Amino acid sequence: MNNESLQKLTESISITYFDRPFKHRAYFNKRLRTTGGRYLLNSHDIEINNKQYMEYGETAIIDIVKHELCHYHLHLQGKGYKHKDKDFKLLSQQTGAPRFCSAIEKYEDRINYIYQCRQCGSEFPRIRKVNTSKMVCGKCKGKLAEFKIASQK
């Protein structure tokens, strides 16, 4: 799937599920990492994570597009377009748009550092490096030491 077919898919989903046209751009953004897609408030464009298509196929893209179109149409109508808003929850339910997309990488696969408490021996896996002079063990308040660096991909 390329940007052109994604644009056509988005336009057809908009008409089918929302009875409204999609008049802006929908395209893949390779820089997206932790989200399936996003609606841009200023330009009204929709960006989709191409890794979702690679991993889960077109059905995942359809679900993500539905979710982002909920944001799009509600924002343009001046209604509550945020996840917590009643309007958003109602429209999501009516269109069958999922609340979240499937994770591409599990947390365990993203771990880069493992810290260990010097007092109780508890281990704390982390994606980002932690300042051990400021952070302490959450169980016993002991000092943390960098136990090992998880293998890089």
N, C-alpha and C. Protein backbone atom coordinates (compact mmCIF):
# COMPACT_ATOMS: atom_id res chain seq x y z
N MET A 1 0.85 -1.18 0.00
CA MET A 1 0.00 0.00 0.00
C MET A 1 0.89 1.24 0.00
N ASN A 2 0.53 2.20 -0.83
CA ASN A 2 1.29 3.45 -0.88
C ASN A 2 0.39 4.61 -0.43
N ASN A 3 0.93 5.82 -0.47
CA ASN A 3 0.18 6.99 0.00
C ASN A 3 -1.09 7.25 -0.82
N GLU A 4 -1.01 6.97 -2.11
CA GLU A 4 -2.16 7.20 -2.98
C GLU A 4 -3.32 6.26 -2.62
N SER A 5 -3.01 4.99 -2.42
CA SER A 5 -4.07 4.04 -2.06
C SER A 5 -4.58 4.29 -0.64
N LEU A 6 -3.69 4.77 0.25
CA LEU A 6 -4.13 5.14 1.60
C LEU A 6 -5.10 6.32 1.54
N GLN A 7 -4.83 7.27 0.68
CA GLN A 7 -5.70 8.43 0.51
C GLN A 7 -7.09 7.98 0.04
N LYS A 8 -7.13 7.10 -0.96
CA LYS A 8 -8.41 6.61 -1.48
C LYS A 8 -9.16 5.80 -0.43
N LEU A 9 -8.43 4.98 0.32
CA LEU A 9 -9.03 4.18 1.39
C LEU A 9 -9.65 5.09 2.45
N THR A 10 -8.93 6.13 2.84
CA THR A 10 -9.41 7.07 3.85
C THR A 10 -10.67 7.79 3.37
N GLU A 11 -10.66 8.21 2.11
CA GLU A 11 -11.83 8.90 1.55
C GLU A 11 -13.05 7.97 1.52
N SER A 12 -12.84 6.71 1.16
CA SER A 12 -13.98 5.78 1.09
C SER A 12 -14.50 5.42 2.50
N ILE A 13 -13.59 5.26 3.47
CA ILE A 13 -14.01 4.99 4.85
C ILE A 13 -14.80 6.17 5.40
N SER A 14 -14.37 7.37 5.07
CA SER A 14 -15.04 8.58 5.56
C SER A 14 -16.48 8.64 5.06
N ILE A 15 -16.68 8.35 3.80
CA ILE A 15 -18.03 8.37 3.23
C ILE A 15 -18.86 7.22 3.79
N THR A 16 -18.28 6.02 3.85
CA THR A 16 -19.02 4.83 4.29
C THR A 16 -19.46 4.90 5.74
N TYR A 17 -18.53 5.26 6.64
CA TYR A 17 -18.82 5.20 8.08
C TYR A 17 -19.30 6.53 8.68
N PHE A 18 -18.93 7.64 8.06
CA PHE A 18 -19.22 8.95 8.65
C PHE A 18 -20.19 9.79 7.82
N ASP A 19 -20.50 9.36 6.60
CA ASP A 19 -21.36 10.12 5.67
C ASP A 19 -20.86 11.54 5.46
N ARG A 20 -19.56 11.70 5.49
CA ARG A 20 -18.93 13.01 5.27
C ARG A 20 -17.66 12.80 4.45
N PRO A 21 -17.33 13.77 3.60
CA PRO A 21 -16.11 13.62 2.80
C PRO A 21 -14.85 13.95 3.61
N PHE A 22 -13.76 13.31 3.24
CA PHE A 22 -12.45 13.63 3.80
C PHE A 22 -11.75 14.49 2.76
N LYS A 23 -11.50 15.77 3.09
CA LYS A 23 -10.99 16.73 2.11
C LYS A 23 -9.52 17.08 2.28
N HIS A 24 -8.82 16.34 3.12
CA HIS A 24 -7.41 16.65 3.36
C HIS A 24 -6.55 15.46 2.97
N ARG A 25 -5.31 15.44 3.43
CA ARG A 25 -4.37 14.39 3.03
C ARG A 25 -4.25 13.30 4.09
N ALA A 26 -4.08 12.08 3.62
CA ALA A 26 -3.74 10.94 4.48
C ALA A 26 -2.49 10.31 3.87
N TYR A 27 -1.49 10.08 4.71
CA TYR A 27 -0.23 9.54 4.19
C TYR A 27 0.51 8.78 5.28
N PHE A 28 1.45 7.94 4.85
CA PHE A 28 2.28 7.19 5.78
C PHE A 28 3.42 8.06 6.27
N ASN A 29 3.72 7.96 7.55
CA ASN A 29 4.85 8.68 8.15
C ASN A 29 5.77 7.63 8.78
N LYS A 30 6.93 7.45 8.21
CA LYS A 30 7.87 6.42 8.68
C LYS A 30 8.51 6.77 10.02
N ARG A 31 8.38 8.02 10.44
CA ARG A 31 9.00 8.43 11.71
C ARG A 31 8.14 8.10 12.92
N LEU A 32 6.87 7.76 12.72
CA LEU A 32 6.01 7.40 13.85
C LEU A 32 6.51 6.10 14.45
N ARG A 33 6.62 6.06 15.77
CA ARG A 33 7.17 4.88 16.42
C ARG A 33 6.20 4.25 17.41
N THR A 34 5.59 5.05 18.25
CA THR A 34 4.79 4.49 19.34
C THR A 34 3.29 4.59 19.11
N THR A 35 2.87 5.20 18.04
CA THR A 35 1.45 5.38 17.78
C THR A 35 1.09 4.82 16.41
N GLY A 36 -0.14 4.36 16.26
CA GLY A 36 -0.58 3.81 14.99
C GLY A 36 -0.85 4.88 13.96
N GLY A 37 -1.26 6.06 14.43
CA GLY A 37 -1.54 7.16 13.53
C GLY A 37 -1.83 8.41 14.33
N ARG A 38 -1.95 9.53 13.63
CA ARG A 38 -2.31 10.77 14.34
C ARG A 38 -3.01 11.73 13.40
N TYR A 39 -3.90 12.49 14.00
CA TYR A 39 -4.63 13.55 13.30
C TYR A 39 -3.95 14.87 13.65
N LEU A 40 -3.57 15.63 12.65
CA LEU A 40 -2.88 16.90 12.86
C LEU A 40 -3.90 18.04 12.90
N LEU A 41 -4.00 18.71 14.03
CA LEU A 41 -5.01 19.74 14.24
C LEU A 41 -4.87 20.93 13.29
N ASN A 42 -3.64 21.35 13.02
CA ASN A 42 -3.44 22.55 12.20
C ASN A 42 -3.72 22.31 10.71
N SER A 43 -3.19 21.23 10.17
CA SER A 43 -3.35 20.98 8.73
C SER A 43 -4.54 20.07 8.42
N HIS A 44 -5.10 19.41 9.43
CA HIS A 44 -6.20 18.45 9.30
C HIS A 44 -5.81 17.19 8.54
N ASP A 45 -4.53 16.96 8.38
CA ASP A 45 -4.05 15.75 7.71
C ASP A 45 -4.01 14.59 8.70
N ILE A 46 -3.96 13.39 8.15
CA ILE A 46 -3.86 12.18 8.97
C ILE A 46 -2.59 11.45 8.57
N GLU A 47 -1.77 11.13 9.57
CA GLU A 47 -0.55 10.37 9.35
C GLU A 47 -0.75 8.96 9.91
N ILE A 48 -0.26 7.98 9.19
CA ILE A 48 -0.40 6.58 9.59
C ILE A 48 0.99 5.95 9.69
N ASN A 49 1.18 5.13 10.71
CA ASN A 49 2.44 4.42 10.91
C ASN A 49 2.49 3.25 9.92
N ASN A 50 3.47 3.27 9.00
CA ASN A 50 3.53 2.22 7.98
C ASN A 50 3.92 0.86 8.58
N LYS A 51 4.51 0.85 9.77
CA LYS A 51 4.86 -0.42 10.42
C LYS A 51 3.61 -1.20 10.80
N GLN A 52 2.53 -0.51 11.07
CA GLN A 52 1.27 -1.18 11.38
C GLN A 52 0.79 -1.98 10.16
N TYR A 53 0.94 -1.40 8.98
CA TYR A 53 0.54 -2.11 7.76
C TYR A 53 1.45 -3.31 7.52
N MET A 54 2.74 -3.13 7.72
CA MET A 54 3.69 -4.22 7.50
C MET A 54 3.42 -5.38 8.46
N GLU A 55 3.11 -5.05 9.71
CA GLU A 55 2.94 -6.07 10.75
C GLU A 55 1.55 -6.71 10.74
N TYR A 56 0.49 -5.92 10.57
CA TYR A 56 -0.87 -6.42 10.76
C TYR A 56 -1.77 -6.34 9.53
N GLY A 57 -1.34 -5.69 8.48
CA GLY A 57 -2.10 -5.66 7.24
C GLY A 57 -3.14 -4.56 7.15
N GLU A 58 -3.98 -4.68 6.13
CA GLU A 58 -4.94 -3.63 5.80
C GLU A 58 -6.05 -3.47 6.84
N THR A 59 -6.44 -4.54 7.51
CA THR A 59 -7.51 -4.43 8.52
C THR A 59 -7.08 -3.52 9.67
N ALA A 60 -5.81 -3.58 10.04
CA ALA A 60 -5.30 -2.69 11.09
C ALA A 60 -5.32 -1.25 10.62
N ILE A 61 -4.97 -1.02 9.37
CA ILE A 61 -4.97 0.35 8.82
C ILE A 61 -6.40 0.89 8.79
N ILE A 62 -7.36 0.06 8.44
CA ILE A 62 -8.76 0.51 8.41
C ILE A 62 -9.20 0.95 9.80
N ASP A 63 -8.85 0.17 10.81
CA ASP A 63 -9.21 0.53 12.19
C ASP A 63 -8.55 1.83 12.63
N ILE A 64 -7.29 2.01 12.28
CA ILE A 64 -6.56 3.23 12.65
C ILE A 64 -7.16 4.43 11.94
N VAL A 65 -7.47 4.27 10.66
CA VAL A 65 -8.07 5.37 9.88
C VAL A 65 -9.42 5.76 10.47
N LYS A 66 -10.24 4.77 10.85
CA LYS A 66 -11.53 5.07 11.48
C LYS A 66 -11.33 5.90 12.75
N HIS A 67 -10.36 5.50 13.56
CA HIS A 67 -10.08 6.20 14.81
C HIS A 67 -9.67 7.65 14.53
N GLU A 68 -8.76 7.83 13.59
CA GLU A 68 -8.29 9.19 13.28
C GLU A 68 -9.38 10.02 12.61
N LEU A 69 -10.25 9.39 11.84
CA LEU A 69 -11.37 10.13 11.24
C LEU A 69 -12.37 10.59 12.29
N CYS A 70 -12.48 9.87 13.39
CA CYS A 70 -13.32 10.34 14.50
C CYS A 70 -12.78 11.68 15.01
N HIS A 71 -11.46 11.75 15.22
CA HIS A 71 -10.85 13.02 15.64
C HIS A 71 -11.11 14.10 14.59
N TYR A 72 -10.88 13.76 13.34
CA TYR A 72 -11.00 14.70 12.21
C TYR A 72 -12.39 15.31 12.12
N HIS A 73 -13.41 14.47 12.02
CA HIS A 73 -14.76 14.97 11.81
C HIS A 73 -15.29 15.74 13.02
N LEU A 74 -14.99 15.25 14.22
CA LEU A 74 -15.45 15.96 15.42
C LEU A 74 -14.76 17.32 15.56
N HIS A 75 -13.47 17.38 15.25
CA HIS A 75 -12.73 18.65 15.35
C HIS A 75 -13.29 19.66 14.36
N LEU A 76 -13.56 19.24 13.14
CA LEU A 76 -14.09 20.16 12.13
C LEU A 76 -15.52 20.62 12.46
N GLN A 77 -16.26 19.81 13.21
CA GLN A 77 -17.62 20.19 13.61
C GLN A 77 -17.63 21.02 14.89
N GLY A 78 -16.48 21.18 15.51
CA GLY A 78 -16.40 21.95 16.75
C GLY A 78 -16.89 21.18 17.97
N LYS A 79 -16.89 19.86 17.88
CA LYS A 79 -17.32 19.02 19.00
C LYS A 79 -16.10 18.48 19.73
N GLY A 80 -16.33 17.73 20.79
CA GLY A 80 -15.24 17.17 21.59
C GLY A 80 -14.51 16.08 20.83
N TYR A 81 -13.29 16.34 20.40
CA TYR A 81 -12.53 15.41 19.57
C TYR A 81 -11.45 14.65 20.34
N LYS A 82 -11.30 14.94 21.63
CA LYS A 82 -10.27 14.27 22.43
C LYS A 82 -10.79 12.92 22.94
N HIS A 83 -9.85 12.03 23.30
CA HIS A 83 -10.22 10.69 23.74
C HIS A 83 -11.19 10.69 24.92
N LYS A 84 -11.06 11.65 25.80
CA LYS A 84 -11.88 11.68 27.02
C LYS A 84 -13.28 12.25 26.79
N ASP A 85 -13.50 12.90 25.66
CA ASP A 85 -14.77 13.58 25.40
C ASP A 85 -15.90 12.59 25.08
N LYS A 86 -17.08 12.95 25.52
CA LYS A 86 -18.27 12.12 25.31
C LYS A 86 -18.57 11.94 23.82
N ASP A 87 -18.44 13.03 23.05
CA ASP A 87 -18.69 12.97 21.61
C ASP A 87 -17.77 11.97 20.93
N PHE A 88 -16.50 11.98 21.32
CA PHE A 88 -15.53 11.07 20.72
C PHE A 88 -15.86 9.61 21.06
N LYS A 89 -16.17 9.36 22.31
CA LYS A 89 -16.49 7.98 22.73
C LYS A 89 -17.72 7.47 21.99
N LEU A 90 -18.73 8.33 21.84
CA LEU A 90 -19.96 7.94 21.17
C LEU A 90 -19.71 7.64 19.69
N LEU A 91 -19.01 8.52 18.99
CA LEU A 91 -18.74 8.33 17.57
C LEU A 91 -17.85 7.10 17.34
N SER A 92 -16.89 6.88 18.22
CA SER A 92 -16.03 5.70 18.10
C SER A 92 -16.85 4.43 18.21
N GLN A 93 -17.78 4.43 19.13
CA GLN A 93 -18.63 3.26 19.33
C GLN A 93 -19.54 3.05 18.12
N GLN A 94 -20.09 4.12 17.57
CA GLN A 94 -21.00 4.02 16.43
C GLN A 94 -20.30 3.51 15.18
N THR A 95 -19.05 3.90 14.99
CA THR A 95 -18.32 3.53 13.77
C THR A 95 -17.48 2.27 13.94
N GLY A 96 -17.35 1.79 15.15
CA GLY A 96 -16.53 0.61 15.39
C GLY A 96 -15.04 0.90 15.38
N ALA A 97 -14.70 2.14 15.67
CA ALA A 97 -13.29 2.54 15.71
C ALA A 97 -12.69 2.09 17.04
N PRO A 98 -11.55 1.40 17.01
CA PRO A 98 -10.94 0.92 18.26
C PRO A 98 -10.31 2.04 19.06
N ARG A 99 -10.19 1.83 20.33
CA ARG A 99 -9.56 2.81 21.22
C ARG A 99 -8.05 2.83 21.04
N PHE A 100 -7.45 1.65 20.83
CA PHE A 100 -6.00 1.54 20.65
C PHE A 100 -5.71 0.62 19.48
N CYS A 101 -4.50 0.72 18.94
CA CYS A 101 -4.07 -0.22 17.91
C CYS A 101 -3.13 -1.25 18.55
N SER A 102 -2.85 -2.29 17.84
CA SER A 102 -1.97 -3.35 18.36
C SER A 102 -0.53 -2.84 18.44
N ALA A 103 0.14 -3.22 19.51
CA ALA A 103 1.53 -2.79 19.70
C ALA A 103 2.44 -3.52 18.72
N ILE A 104 3.38 -2.79 18.15
CA ILE A 104 4.33 -3.39 17.22
C ILE A 104 5.42 -4.11 18.00
N GLU A 105 5.94 -3.45 19.01
CA GLU A 105 6.97 -4.03 19.86
C GLU A 105 6.47 -4.10 21.29
N LYS A 106 6.73 -5.19 21.96
CA LYS A 106 6.38 -5.30 23.37
C LYS A 106 7.39 -4.51 24.18
N TYR A 107 7.00 -4.14 25.39
CA TYR A 107 7.89 -3.41 26.29
C TYR A 107 9.18 -4.20 26.51
N GLU A 108 9.03 -5.51 26.68
CA GLU A 108 10.18 -6.36 26.95
C GLU A 108 11.21 -6.31 25.82
N ASP A 109 10.73 -6.15 24.59
CA ASP A 109 11.63 -6.09 23.43
C ASP A 109 12.34 -4.74 23.34
N ARG A 110 11.80 -3.73 23.98
CA ARG A 110 12.37 -2.38 23.89
C ARG A 110 13.33 -2.06 25.03
N ILE A 111 13.47 -2.95 26.01
CA ILE A 111 14.32 -2.70 27.18
C ILE A 111 15.78 -2.58 26.77
N ASN A 112 16.42 -1.51 27.23
CA ASN A 112 17.83 -1.29 26.94
C ASN A 112 18.70 -1.38 28.19
N TYR A 113 18.13 -1.14 29.36
CA TYR A 113 18.90 -1.10 30.60
C TYR A 113 18.17 -1.88 31.69
N ILE A 114 18.95 -2.54 32.54
CA ILE A 114 18.38 -3.21 33.71
C ILE A 114 19.16 -2.72 34.93
N TYR A 115 18.42 -2.18 35.90
CA TYR A 115 19.03 -1.68 37.13
C TYR A 115 18.67 -2.62 38.27
N GLN A 116 19.60 -2.73 39.24
CA GLN A 116 19.38 -3.60 40.38
C GLN A 116 19.64 -2.83 41.67
N CYS A 117 18.75 -3.05 42.65
CA CYS A 117 18.91 -2.41 43.95
C CYS A 117 20.05 -3.10 44.70
N ARG A 118 20.92 -2.29 45.30
CA ARG A 118 22.06 -2.83 46.05
C ARG A 118 21.63 -3.43 47.38
N GLN A 119 20.48 -3.01 47.89
CA GLN A 119 20.01 -3.50 49.19
C GLN A 119 19.17 -4.76 49.07
N CYS A 120 18.07 -4.69 48.30
CA CYS A 120 17.14 -5.82 48.26
C CYS A 120 17.30 -6.69 47.02
N GLY A 121 18.05 -6.23 46.02
CA GLY A 121 18.30 -7.02 44.82
C GLY A 121 17.20 -6.97 43.77
N SER A 122 16.19 -6.12 43.95
CA SER A 122 15.12 -5.99 42.97
C SER A 122 15.66 -5.45 41.66
N GLU A 123 15.13 -5.96 40.55
CA GLU A 123 15.56 -5.51 39.23
C GLU A 123 14.50 -4.61 38.61
N PHE A 124 14.97 -3.59 37.87
CA PHE A 124 14.10 -2.63 37.22
C PHE A 124 14.50 -2.48 35.76
N PRO A 125 13.76 -3.09 34.83
CA PRO A 125 14.07 -2.93 33.41
C PRO A 125 13.60 -1.56 32.92
N ARG A 126 14.40 -0.91 32.12
CA ARG A 126 14.07 0.42 31.61
C ARG A 126 14.46 0.55 30.15
N ILE A 127 13.70 1.34 29.41
CA ILE A 127 14.02 1.64 28.03
C ILE A 127 15.09 2.73 27.97
N ARG A 128 14.94 3.73 28.82
CA ARG A 128 15.88 4.86 28.84
C ARG A 128 16.82 4.75 30.03
N LYS A 129 17.97 5.39 29.87
CA LYS A 129 18.96 5.39 30.93
C LYS A 129 18.45 6.21 32.12
N VAL A 130 18.78 5.76 33.33
CA VAL A 130 18.30 6.38 34.56
C VAL A 130 19.49 6.99 35.30
N ASN A 131 19.29 8.17 35.91
CA ASN A 131 20.32 8.79 36.73
C ASN A 131 20.32 8.10 38.09
N THR A 132 21.30 7.23 38.33
CA THR A 132 21.33 6.42 39.55
C THR A 132 21.67 7.24 40.79
N SER A 133 22.18 8.45 40.62
CA SER A 133 22.45 9.29 41.80
C SER A 133 21.17 9.94 42.33
N LYS A 134 20.13 10.03 41.49
CA LYS A 134 18.87 10.63 41.90
C LYS A 134 17.79 9.58 42.17
N MET A 135 17.77 8.52 41.40
CA MET A 135 16.72 7.51 41.50
C MET A 135 17.09 6.48 42.57
N VAL A 136 16.08 6.01 43.29
CA VAL A 136 16.27 4.99 44.32
C VAL A 136 15.29 3.86 44.09
N CYS A 137 15.48 2.76 44.79
CA CYS A 137 14.60 1.60 44.70
C CYS A 137 13.21 1.98 45.20
N GLY A 138 12.18 1.57 44.47
CA GLY A 138 10.81 1.86 44.87
C GLY A 138 10.31 0.98 45.99
N LYS A 139 11.04 -0.06 46.32
CA LYS A 139 10.60 -0.99 47.36
C LYS A 139 11.25 -0.69 48.71
N CYS A 140 12.58 -0.42 48.69
CA CYS A 140 13.27 -0.25 49.97
C CYS A 140 14.05 1.06 50.06
N LYS A 141 13.99 1.89 49.03
CA LYS A 141 14.70 3.17 48.95
C LYS A 141 16.23 3.02 48.90
N GLY A 142 16.70 1.82 48.52
CA GLY A 142 18.13 1.57 48.39
C GLY A 142 18.69 2.17 47.11
N LYS A 143 20.02 2.21 47.01
CA LYS A 143 20.68 2.77 45.82
C LYS A 143 20.59 1.78 44.67
N LEU A 144 20.49 2.34 43.47
CA LEU A 144 20.43 1.52 42.27
C LEU A 144 21.79 1.45 41.60
N ALA A 145 22.07 0.33 40.99
CA ALA A 145 23.29 0.16 40.21
C ALA A 145 22.88 -0.39 38.85
N GLU A 146 23.62 0.03 37.81
CA GLU A 146 23.33 -0.49 36.48
C GLU A 146 23.79 -1.94 36.45
N PHE A 147 22.83 -2.84 36.41
CA PHE A 147 23.10 -4.27 36.49
C PHE A 147 23.68 -4.77 35.18
N LYS A 148 22.98 -4.50 34.08
CA LYS A 148 23.49 -4.87 32.77
C LYS A 148 22.74 -4.06 31.70
N ILE A 149 23.40 -3.96 30.58
CA ILE A 149 22.76 -3.31 29.43
C ILE A 149 22.23 -4.44 28.56
N ALA A 150 20.95 -4.39 28.29
CA ALA A 150 20.33 -5.42 27.47
C ALA A 150 20.93 -5.36 26.07
N SER A 151 20.97 -6.48 25.39
CA SER A 151 21.60 -6.55 24.06
C SER A 151 20.84 -5.66 23.09
N GLN A 152 21.62 -4.91 22.33
CA GLN A 152 21.04 -4.01 21.32
C GLN A 152 20.71 -4.79 20.06
N LYS A 153 19.70 -4.32 19.33
CA LYS A 153 19.29 -5.00 18.09
C LYS A 153 20.23 -4.67 16.97
